[in-house]
């Protein structure tokens, strides 16, 4: 489904593949943080307890005021950090977002400190591509499980 001249919704097969590698338990409450008009993430979440927020439907994710186990989706890339910041405040278990290089860059490194303070660590980085989109895209899965593969330095040289 196309929106405007340069916007393409996430491919449904990609969404299914990404959700399949996300460690969501059957009984978890899952929130789609920006469901879009096609609701492709929301409709492919298998959990009974799920919610979706879409500003174009009058549900602003930044105003969500309840806790969930997981926050997932494909937020607007230019608001990647804002979505991740909000998700880390309302999620109990994990966050899984698809983003572009700008989204990935918006997370480094001082913001990883904020996530760490909130108990979240990047535990999986899965790279995907879509012929309709320019470049590579990154599925970032944050959980409460500390890791040793990703380190950073907040010092500016």
N, C-alpha and C. Protein backbone atom coordinates (compact mmCIF):
# COMPACT_ATOMS: atom_id res chain seq x y z
N UNK A 1 0.85 -1.18 0.00
CA UNK A 1 0.00 0.00 0.00
C UNK A 1 0.89 1.23 0.00
N UNK A 2 0.59 2.20 -0.83
CA UNK A 2 1.39 3.40 -0.99
C UNK A 2 0.71 4.60 -0.32
N UNK A 3 1.53 5.46 0.28
CA UNK A 3 1.04 6.68 0.91
C UNK A 3 1.86 7.84 0.35
N UNK A 4 1.26 8.69 -0.44
CA UNK A 4 2.00 9.79 -1.04
C UNK A 4 2.92 9.28 -2.14
N UNK A 5 3.92 10.09 -2.48
CA UNK A 5 4.80 9.71 -3.58
C UNK A 5 6.09 9.04 -3.13
N UNK A 6 6.46 9.17 -1.88
CA UNK A 6 7.72 8.57 -1.45
C UNK A 6 7.59 7.75 -0.17
N UNK A 7 6.40 7.30 0.15
CA UNK A 7 6.15 6.54 1.37
C UNK A 7 5.60 5.17 1.01
N UNK A 8 6.20 4.14 1.56
CA UNK A 8 5.70 2.79 1.37
C UNK A 8 5.54 2.12 2.73
N UNK A 9 4.41 1.51 2.94
CA UNK A 9 4.21 0.76 4.18
C UNK A 9 5.13 -0.44 4.23
N UNK A 10 5.40 -0.92 5.43
CA UNK A 10 6.25 -2.10 5.59
C UNK A 10 5.61 -3.30 4.92
N UNK A 11 6.41 -4.03 4.18
CA UNK A 11 5.97 -5.23 3.51
C UNK A 11 5.47 -6.25 4.53
N UNK A 12 4.30 -6.83 4.31
CA UNK A 12 3.71 -7.75 5.29
C UNK A 12 4.58 -8.98 5.54
N UNK A 13 5.20 -9.51 4.50
CA UNK A 13 6.07 -10.67 4.70
C UNK A 13 7.26 -10.31 5.59
N UNK A 14 7.80 -9.09 5.42
CA UNK A 14 8.89 -8.63 6.28
C UNK A 14 8.41 -8.53 7.72
N UNK A 15 7.23 -7.96 7.92
CA UNK A 15 6.69 -7.82 9.27
C UNK A 15 6.57 -9.19 9.94
N UNK A 16 6.03 -10.16 9.23
CA UNK A 16 5.89 -11.51 9.79
C UNK A 16 7.25 -12.08 10.16
N UNK A 17 8.24 -11.90 9.29
CA UNK A 17 9.59 -12.40 9.59
C UNK A 17 10.18 -11.70 10.81
N UNK A 18 10.01 -10.39 10.90
CA UNK A 18 10.58 -9.65 12.03
C UNK A 18 9.88 -10.02 13.34
N UNK A 19 8.58 -10.12 13.32
CA UNK A 19 7.87 -10.53 14.54
C UNK A 19 8.27 -11.94 14.97
N UNK A 20 8.58 -12.80 14.01
CA UNK A 20 8.94 -14.18 14.35
C UNK A 20 10.28 -14.27 15.08
N UNK A 21 11.15 -13.27 14.95
CA UNK A 21 12.43 -13.30 15.67
C UNK A 21 12.40 -12.45 16.94
N UNK A 22 11.25 -11.88 17.23
CA UNK A 22 11.09 -11.06 18.43
C UNK A 22 10.62 -11.95 19.57
N UNK A 23 11.33 -11.97 20.70
CA UNK A 23 11.00 -12.91 21.78
C UNK A 23 9.79 -12.51 22.62
N UNK A 24 8.66 -12.38 21.96
CA UNK A 24 7.40 -12.05 22.63
C UNK A 24 6.76 -13.34 23.10
N UNK A 25 6.37 -13.39 24.38
CA UNK A 25 5.66 -14.55 24.92
C UNK A 25 4.18 -14.46 24.56
N UNK A 26 3.56 -15.60 24.50
CA UNK A 26 2.15 -15.71 24.10
C UNK A 26 1.21 -14.84 24.94
N UNK A 27 1.48 -14.71 26.22
CA UNK A 27 0.60 -13.95 27.11
C UNK A 27 1.00 -12.48 27.27
N UNK A 28 2.05 -12.04 26.59
CA UNK A 28 2.50 -10.66 26.71
C UNK A 28 1.48 -9.69 26.11
N UNK A 29 1.45 -8.50 26.67
CA UNK A 29 0.67 -7.40 26.12
C UNK A 29 1.59 -6.64 25.17
N UNK A 30 1.15 -6.52 23.91
CA UNK A 30 1.99 -5.92 22.88
C UNK A 30 1.30 -4.68 22.31
N UNK A 31 2.09 -3.63 22.13
CA UNK A 31 1.58 -2.38 21.59
C UNK A 31 2.30 -2.06 20.28
N UNK A 32 1.53 -1.80 19.24
CA UNK A 32 2.07 -1.31 17.97
C UNK A 32 2.08 0.21 18.07
N UNK A 33 3.28 0.79 18.06
CA UNK A 33 3.43 2.22 18.38
C UNK A 33 3.05 3.18 17.27
N UNK A 34 2.89 2.73 16.07
CA UNK A 34 2.51 3.62 14.97
C UNK A 34 1.93 2.77 13.86
N UNK A 35 0.71 2.34 14.03
CA UNK A 35 0.15 1.27 13.20
C UNK A 35 -0.10 1.65 11.75
N UNK A 36 -0.14 2.93 11.45
CA UNK A 36 -0.39 3.33 10.07
C UNK A 36 -1.83 3.02 9.66
N UNK A 37 -2.16 3.39 8.47
CA UNK A 37 -3.52 3.14 7.98
C UNK A 37 -3.75 1.68 7.64
N UNK A 38 -2.69 0.96 7.29
CA UNK A 38 -2.86 -0.44 6.88
C UNK A 38 -2.77 -1.43 8.05
N UNK A 39 -2.32 -0.98 9.21
CA UNK A 39 -2.28 -1.80 10.43
C UNK A 39 -1.49 -3.10 10.26
N UNK A 40 -0.49 -3.13 9.37
CA UNK A 40 0.19 -4.38 9.03
C UNK A 40 0.90 -5.00 10.23
N UNK A 41 1.51 -4.20 11.10
CA UNK A 41 2.14 -4.77 12.29
C UNK A 41 1.07 -5.29 13.25
N UNK A 42 0.10 -4.44 13.55
CA UNK A 42 -0.95 -4.80 14.50
C UNK A 42 -1.67 -6.08 14.08
N UNK A 43 -2.03 -6.18 12.82
CA UNK A 43 -2.78 -7.35 12.34
C UNK A 43 -1.96 -8.63 12.37
N UNK A 44 -0.64 -8.50 12.39
CA UNK A 44 0.23 -9.69 12.41
C UNK A 44 0.77 -10.03 13.78
N UNK A 45 0.41 -9.26 14.79
CA UNK A 45 0.75 -9.63 16.18
C UNK A 45 -0.23 -10.70 16.60
N UNK A 46 0.26 -11.85 16.98
CA UNK A 46 -0.59 -13.00 17.28
C UNK A 46 -1.19 -12.97 18.69
N UNK A 47 -0.68 -12.11 19.53
CA UNK A 47 -1.12 -12.08 20.92
C UNK A 47 -2.57 -11.61 21.04
N UNK A 48 -3.26 -12.16 22.01
CA UNK A 48 -4.64 -11.77 22.29
C UNK A 48 -4.68 -10.36 22.87
N UNK A 49 -3.70 -10.06 23.73
CA UNK A 49 -3.66 -8.76 24.39
C UNK A 49 -2.75 -7.84 23.59
N UNK A 50 -3.37 -6.98 22.79
CA UNK A 50 -2.58 -6.07 21.97
C UNK A 50 -3.32 -4.75 21.81
N UNK A 51 -2.55 -3.73 21.48
CA UNK A 51 -3.09 -2.38 21.31
C UNK A 51 -2.35 -1.73 20.15
N UNK A 52 -3.00 -0.77 19.52
CA UNK A 52 -2.32 -0.05 18.45
C UNK A 52 -2.60 1.43 18.57
N UNK A 53 -1.57 2.21 18.27
CA UNK A 53 -1.67 3.66 18.35
C UNK A 53 -1.25 4.25 17.01
N UNK A 54 -2.06 5.15 16.50
CA UNK A 54 -1.77 5.81 15.23
C UNK A 54 -2.29 7.24 15.32
N UNK A 55 -1.39 8.19 15.19
CA UNK A 55 -1.77 9.60 15.33
C UNK A 55 -2.83 10.01 14.31
N UNK A 56 -2.78 9.42 13.11
CA UNK A 56 -3.80 9.75 12.10
C UNK A 56 -5.18 9.23 12.48
N UNK A 57 -5.24 8.31 13.45
CA UNK A 57 -6.51 7.81 13.97
C UNK A 57 -6.89 8.50 15.28
N UNK A 58 -6.13 9.54 15.66
CA UNK A 58 -6.41 10.26 16.88
C UNK A 58 -5.81 9.65 18.13
N UNK A 59 -4.88 8.69 17.98
CA UNK A 59 -4.23 8.06 19.13
C UNK A 59 -2.73 8.34 19.06
N UNK A 60 -2.29 9.36 19.78
CA UNK A 60 -0.91 9.81 19.77
C UNK A 60 -0.09 8.93 20.72
N UNK A 61 0.86 8.19 20.19
CA UNK A 61 1.69 7.28 20.99
C UNK A 61 2.37 8.01 22.15
N UNK A 62 2.76 9.24 21.94
CA UNK A 62 3.44 9.99 23.00
C UNK A 62 2.54 10.25 24.21
N UNK A 63 1.24 10.07 24.03
CA UNK A 63 0.29 10.27 25.13
C UNK A 63 -0.14 8.95 25.78
N UNK A 64 0.41 7.84 25.31
CA UNK A 64 0.08 6.54 25.92
C UNK A 64 0.51 6.56 27.38
N UNK A 65 -0.41 6.21 28.28
CA UNK A 65 -0.12 6.33 29.71
C UNK A 65 -0.29 5.01 30.46
N UNK A 66 -0.10 3.89 29.78
CA UNK A 66 -0.18 2.61 30.48
C UNK A 66 0.99 1.73 30.08
N UNK A 67 1.29 0.77 30.94
CA UNK A 67 2.43 -0.13 30.72
C UNK A 67 1.99 -1.32 29.86
N UNK A 68 2.94 -1.79 29.06
CA UNK A 68 2.77 -2.99 28.25
C UNK A 68 4.04 -3.82 28.38
N UNK A 69 4.00 -5.05 27.88
CA UNK A 69 5.21 -5.87 27.92
C UNK A 69 6.15 -5.51 26.77
N UNK A 70 5.59 -5.32 25.57
CA UNK A 70 6.38 -5.05 24.37
C UNK A 70 5.81 -3.88 23.59
N UNK A 71 6.70 -3.09 23.01
CA UNK A 71 6.34 -2.06 22.04
C UNK A 71 7.07 -2.42 20.75
N UNK A 72 6.32 -2.52 19.65
CA UNK A 72 6.91 -2.91 18.37
C UNK A 72 6.43 -1.98 17.26
N UNK A 73 7.10 -2.08 16.11
CA UNK A 73 6.61 -1.38 14.93
C UNK A 73 7.69 -0.72 14.10
N UNK A 74 7.21 0.11 13.20
CA UNK A 74 8.05 0.84 12.27
C UNK A 74 7.70 2.32 12.42
N UNK A 75 8.31 2.98 13.42
CA UNK A 75 7.96 4.39 13.65
C UNK A 75 8.48 5.28 12.54
N UNK A 76 7.94 6.49 12.43
CA UNK A 76 8.49 7.43 11.45
C UNK A 76 9.99 7.62 11.74
N UNK A 77 10.80 7.43 10.72
CA UNK A 77 12.25 7.42 10.93
C UNK A 77 12.77 8.72 11.53
N UNK A 78 12.17 9.84 11.16
CA UNK A 78 12.63 11.13 11.68
C UNK A 78 12.28 11.33 13.15
N UNK A 79 11.45 10.44 13.69
CA UNK A 79 11.10 10.51 15.11
C UNK A 79 11.56 9.26 15.85
N UNK A 80 12.53 8.57 15.29
CA UNK A 80 12.99 7.30 15.86
C UNK A 80 13.35 7.38 17.33
N UNK A 81 14.20 8.34 17.70
CA UNK A 81 14.60 8.41 19.10
C UNK A 81 13.41 8.76 19.99
N UNK A 82 12.54 9.65 19.56
CA UNK A 82 11.39 10.01 20.39
C UNK A 82 10.51 8.78 20.65
N UNK A 83 10.32 7.94 19.64
CA UNK A 83 9.54 6.72 19.81
C UNK A 83 10.25 5.77 20.77
N UNK A 84 11.55 5.61 20.58
CA UNK A 84 12.32 4.70 21.43
C UNK A 84 12.33 5.19 22.88
N UNK A 85 12.47 6.48 23.05
CA UNK A 85 12.46 7.08 24.38
C UNK A 85 11.12 6.79 25.08
N UNK A 86 10.02 7.06 24.39
CA UNK A 86 8.69 6.80 24.98
C UNK A 86 8.49 5.32 25.23
N UNK A 87 8.87 4.48 24.28
CA UNK A 87 8.70 3.03 24.44
C UNK A 87 9.45 2.52 25.67
N UNK A 88 10.63 3.07 25.91
CA UNK A 88 11.43 2.61 27.07
C UNK A 88 10.81 3.03 28.40
N UNK A 89 9.88 3.96 28.36
CA UNK A 89 9.19 4.40 29.58
C UNK A 89 7.94 3.60 29.87
N UNK A 90 7.38 2.92 28.86
CA UNK A 90 6.12 2.20 29.08
C UNK A 90 6.25 0.69 28.92
N UNK A 91 7.40 0.22 28.46
CA UNK A 91 7.57 -1.22 28.24
C UNK A 91 8.17 -1.91 29.46
N UNK A 92 7.64 -3.08 29.76
CA UNK A 92 8.17 -3.87 30.87
C UNK A 92 9.23 -4.87 30.43
N UNK A 93 9.17 -5.35 29.18
CA UNK A 93 10.06 -6.42 28.73
C UNK A 93 10.93 -6.07 27.54
N UNK A 94 10.34 -5.44 26.51
CA UNK A 94 11.14 -5.23 25.32
C UNK A 94 10.55 -4.23 24.34
N UNK A 95 11.43 -3.84 23.41
CA UNK A 95 11.09 -2.90 22.35
C UNK A 95 11.71 -3.45 21.08
N UNK A 96 10.95 -3.42 19.99
CA UNK A 96 11.49 -3.88 18.71
C UNK A 96 10.99 -2.93 17.62
N UNK A 97 11.92 -2.17 17.05
CA UNK A 97 11.58 -1.19 16.03
C UNK A 97 12.41 -1.39 14.78
N UNK A 98 11.77 -1.15 13.65
CA UNK A 98 12.45 -1.13 12.37
C UNK A 98 12.78 0.32 12.04
N UNK A 99 14.02 0.57 11.63
CA UNK A 99 14.41 1.93 11.30
C UNK A 99 15.49 1.97 10.24
N UNK A 100 15.72 3.17 9.72
CA UNK A 100 16.77 3.33 8.72
C UNK A 100 18.08 3.74 9.40
N UNK A 101 19.07 4.10 8.61
CA UNK A 101 20.37 4.48 9.16
C UNK A 101 20.26 5.69 10.08
N UNK A 102 19.40 6.65 9.74
CA UNK A 102 19.22 7.82 10.60
C UNK A 102 18.63 7.43 11.95
N UNK A 103 17.70 6.48 11.94
CA UNK A 103 17.13 5.99 13.20
C UNK A 103 18.23 5.33 14.04
N UNK A 104 19.01 4.47 13.40
CA UNK A 104 20.11 3.79 14.10
C UNK A 104 21.07 4.82 14.67
N UNK A 105 21.46 5.82 13.88
CA UNK A 105 22.38 6.85 14.35
C UNK A 105 21.81 7.68 15.49
N UNK A 106 20.51 7.83 15.55
CA UNK A 106 19.90 8.64 16.61
C UNK A 106 20.00 7.97 17.97
N UNK A 107 20.38 6.71 18.00
CA UNK A 107 20.46 5.96 19.26
C UNK A 107 21.82 6.02 19.92
N UNK A 108 22.82 6.51 19.25
CA UNK A 108 24.19 6.37 19.73
C UNK A 108 24.73 7.66 20.30
N UNK A 109 25.73 7.61 21.21
CA UNK A 109 25.89 6.63 22.27
C UNK A 109 25.25 7.06 23.58
N UNK A 110 25.09 8.40 23.76
CA UNK A 110 24.54 8.87 25.05
C UNK A 110 23.13 8.35 25.28
N UNK A 111 22.39 8.13 24.21
CA UNK A 111 21.03 7.63 24.38
C UNK A 111 21.01 6.17 24.79
N UNK A 112 22.06 5.43 24.43
CA UNK A 112 22.18 4.07 24.95
C UNK A 112 22.35 4.09 26.47
N UNK A 113 22.98 5.14 26.98
CA UNK A 113 23.11 5.31 28.44
C UNK A 113 21.74 5.48 29.07
N UNK A 114 20.88 6.28 28.45
CA UNK A 114 19.52 6.49 28.97
C UNK A 114 18.77 5.16 28.98
N UNK A 115 18.86 4.42 27.88
CA UNK A 115 18.18 3.12 27.81
C UNK A 115 18.71 2.17 28.87
N UNK A 116 20.02 2.16 29.06
CA UNK A 116 20.64 1.30 30.07
C UNK A 116 20.13 1.66 31.47
N UNK A 117 20.01 2.96 31.75
CA UNK A 117 19.47 3.40 33.05
C UNK A 117 18.04 2.90 33.25
N UNK A 118 17.32 2.73 32.17
CA UNK A 118 15.94 2.23 32.23
C UNK A 118 15.89 0.71 32.15
N UNK A 119 17.05 0.08 32.06
CA UNK A 119 17.12 -1.38 32.06
C UNK A 119 17.08 -2.03 30.70
N UNK A 120 17.22 -1.27 29.61
CA UNK A 120 17.13 -1.84 28.26
C UNK A 120 18.49 -1.89 27.59
N UNK A 121 18.71 -3.00 26.90
CA UNK A 121 19.96 -3.25 26.18
C UNK A 121 19.62 -3.76 24.78
N UNK A 122 20.39 -3.31 23.81
CA UNK A 122 20.23 -3.84 22.46
C UNK A 122 20.71 -5.28 22.45
N UNK A 123 19.81 -6.20 22.12
CA UNK A 123 20.17 -7.61 22.11
C UNK A 123 20.13 -8.25 20.74
N UNK A 124 19.58 -7.55 19.77
CA UNK A 124 19.61 -8.07 18.41
C UNK A 124 19.53 -6.91 17.44
N UNK A 125 20.36 -6.98 16.41
CA UNK A 125 20.33 -6.05 15.30
C UNK A 125 20.19 -6.90 14.05
N UNK A 126 19.06 -6.79 13.40
CA UNK A 126 18.76 -7.61 12.22
C UNK A 126 18.64 -6.68 11.02
N UNK A 127 19.43 -6.92 9.99
CA UNK A 127 19.46 -6.04 8.82
C UNK A 127 18.56 -6.61 7.73
N UNK A 128 17.71 -5.75 7.17
CA UNK A 128 16.80 -6.15 6.11
C UNK A 128 16.88 -5.14 4.97
N UNK A 129 16.29 -5.51 3.85
CA UNK A 129 16.21 -4.59 2.72
C UNK A 129 14.89 -4.79 1.99
N UNK A 130 14.46 -3.74 1.35
CA UNK A 130 13.22 -3.75 0.58
C UNK A 130 13.52 -2.98 -0.70
N UNK A 131 13.26 -3.59 -1.84
CA UNK A 131 13.60 -2.97 -3.12
C UNK A 131 12.91 -1.62 -3.33
N UNK A 132 11.82 -1.36 -2.59
CA UNK A 132 11.11 -0.08 -2.73
C UNK A 132 11.77 1.03 -1.93
N UNK A 133 12.64 0.66 -0.96
CA UNK A 133 13.27 1.63 -0.07
C UNK A 133 14.74 1.75 -0.41
N UNK A 134 15.31 2.92 -0.17
CA UNK A 134 16.73 3.14 -0.40
C UNK A 134 17.55 2.63 0.79
N UNK A 135 18.58 1.88 0.51
CA UNK A 135 19.51 1.45 1.55
C UNK A 135 19.04 0.26 2.37
N UNK A 136 19.71 0.06 3.48
CA UNK A 136 19.41 -1.04 4.39
C UNK A 136 18.61 -0.51 5.58
N UNK A 137 17.91 -1.43 6.21
CA UNK A 137 17.08 -1.08 7.36
C UNK A 137 17.43 -2.00 8.51
N UNK A 138 17.23 -1.50 9.71
CA UNK A 138 17.73 -2.17 10.91
C UNK A 138 16.57 -2.43 11.86
N UNK A 139 16.43 -3.69 12.22
CA UNK A 139 15.43 -4.08 13.21
C UNK A 139 16.16 -4.21 14.52
N UNK A 140 15.88 -3.32 15.44
CA UNK A 140 16.56 -3.26 16.73
C UNK A 140 15.66 -3.86 17.79
N UNK A 141 16.17 -4.88 18.48
CA UNK A 141 15.41 -5.51 19.56
C UNK A 141 16.13 -5.23 20.88
N UNK A 142 15.44 -4.49 21.73
CA UNK A 142 15.95 -4.16 23.06
C UNK A 142 15.20 -5.00 24.08
N UNK A 143 15.94 -5.60 25.02
CA UNK A 143 15.32 -6.34 26.11
C UNK A 143 16.01 -5.95 27.42
N UNK A 144 15.55 -6.55 28.50
CA UNK A 144 16.13 -6.29 29.82
C UNK A 144 17.36 -7.16 30.09
N UNK A 145 17.77 -7.94 29.12
CA UNK A 145 18.92 -8.82 29.28
C UNK A 145 20.20 -8.07 28.91
N UNK A 146 21.09 -7.84 29.88
CA UNK A 146 22.36 -7.15 29.56
C UNK A 146 23.15 -7.94 28.52
N UNK A 147 23.95 -7.24 27.75
CA UNK A 147 24.78 -7.90 26.75
C UNK A 147 26.21 -7.39 26.85
N UNK A 148 27.11 -8.10 26.20
CA UNK A 148 28.52 -7.70 26.20
C UNK A 148 29.02 -7.42 24.79
N UNK A 149 28.18 -7.61 23.80
CA UNK A 149 28.65 -7.43 22.43
C UNK A 149 28.64 -5.98 21.97
N UNK A 150 27.88 -5.12 22.66
CA UNK A 150 27.79 -3.73 22.26
C UNK A 150 28.33 -2.86 23.39
N UNK A 151 29.37 -2.12 23.09
CA UNK A 151 29.93 -1.18 24.06
C UNK A 151 30.02 0.18 23.40
N UNK A 152 30.14 1.22 24.19
CA UNK A 152 30.23 2.56 23.64
C UNK A 152 30.99 3.46 24.59
N UNK A 153 31.34 4.61 24.07
CA UNK A 153 32.04 5.62 24.85
C UNK A 153 31.31 6.93 24.59
N UNK A 154 30.95 7.63 25.64
CA UNK A 154 30.23 8.89 25.48
C UNK A 154 31.16 10.09 25.37
N UNK A 155 32.46 9.85 25.46
CA UNK A 155 33.44 10.92 25.36
C UNK A 155 33.48 11.44 23.92
N UNK A 156 33.57 12.76 23.78
CA UNK A 156 33.73 13.36 22.47
C UNK A 156 35.20 13.71 22.27
N UNK A 157 35.74 13.28 21.17
CA UNK A 157 37.16 13.51 20.87
C UNK A 157 37.34 14.72 19.99
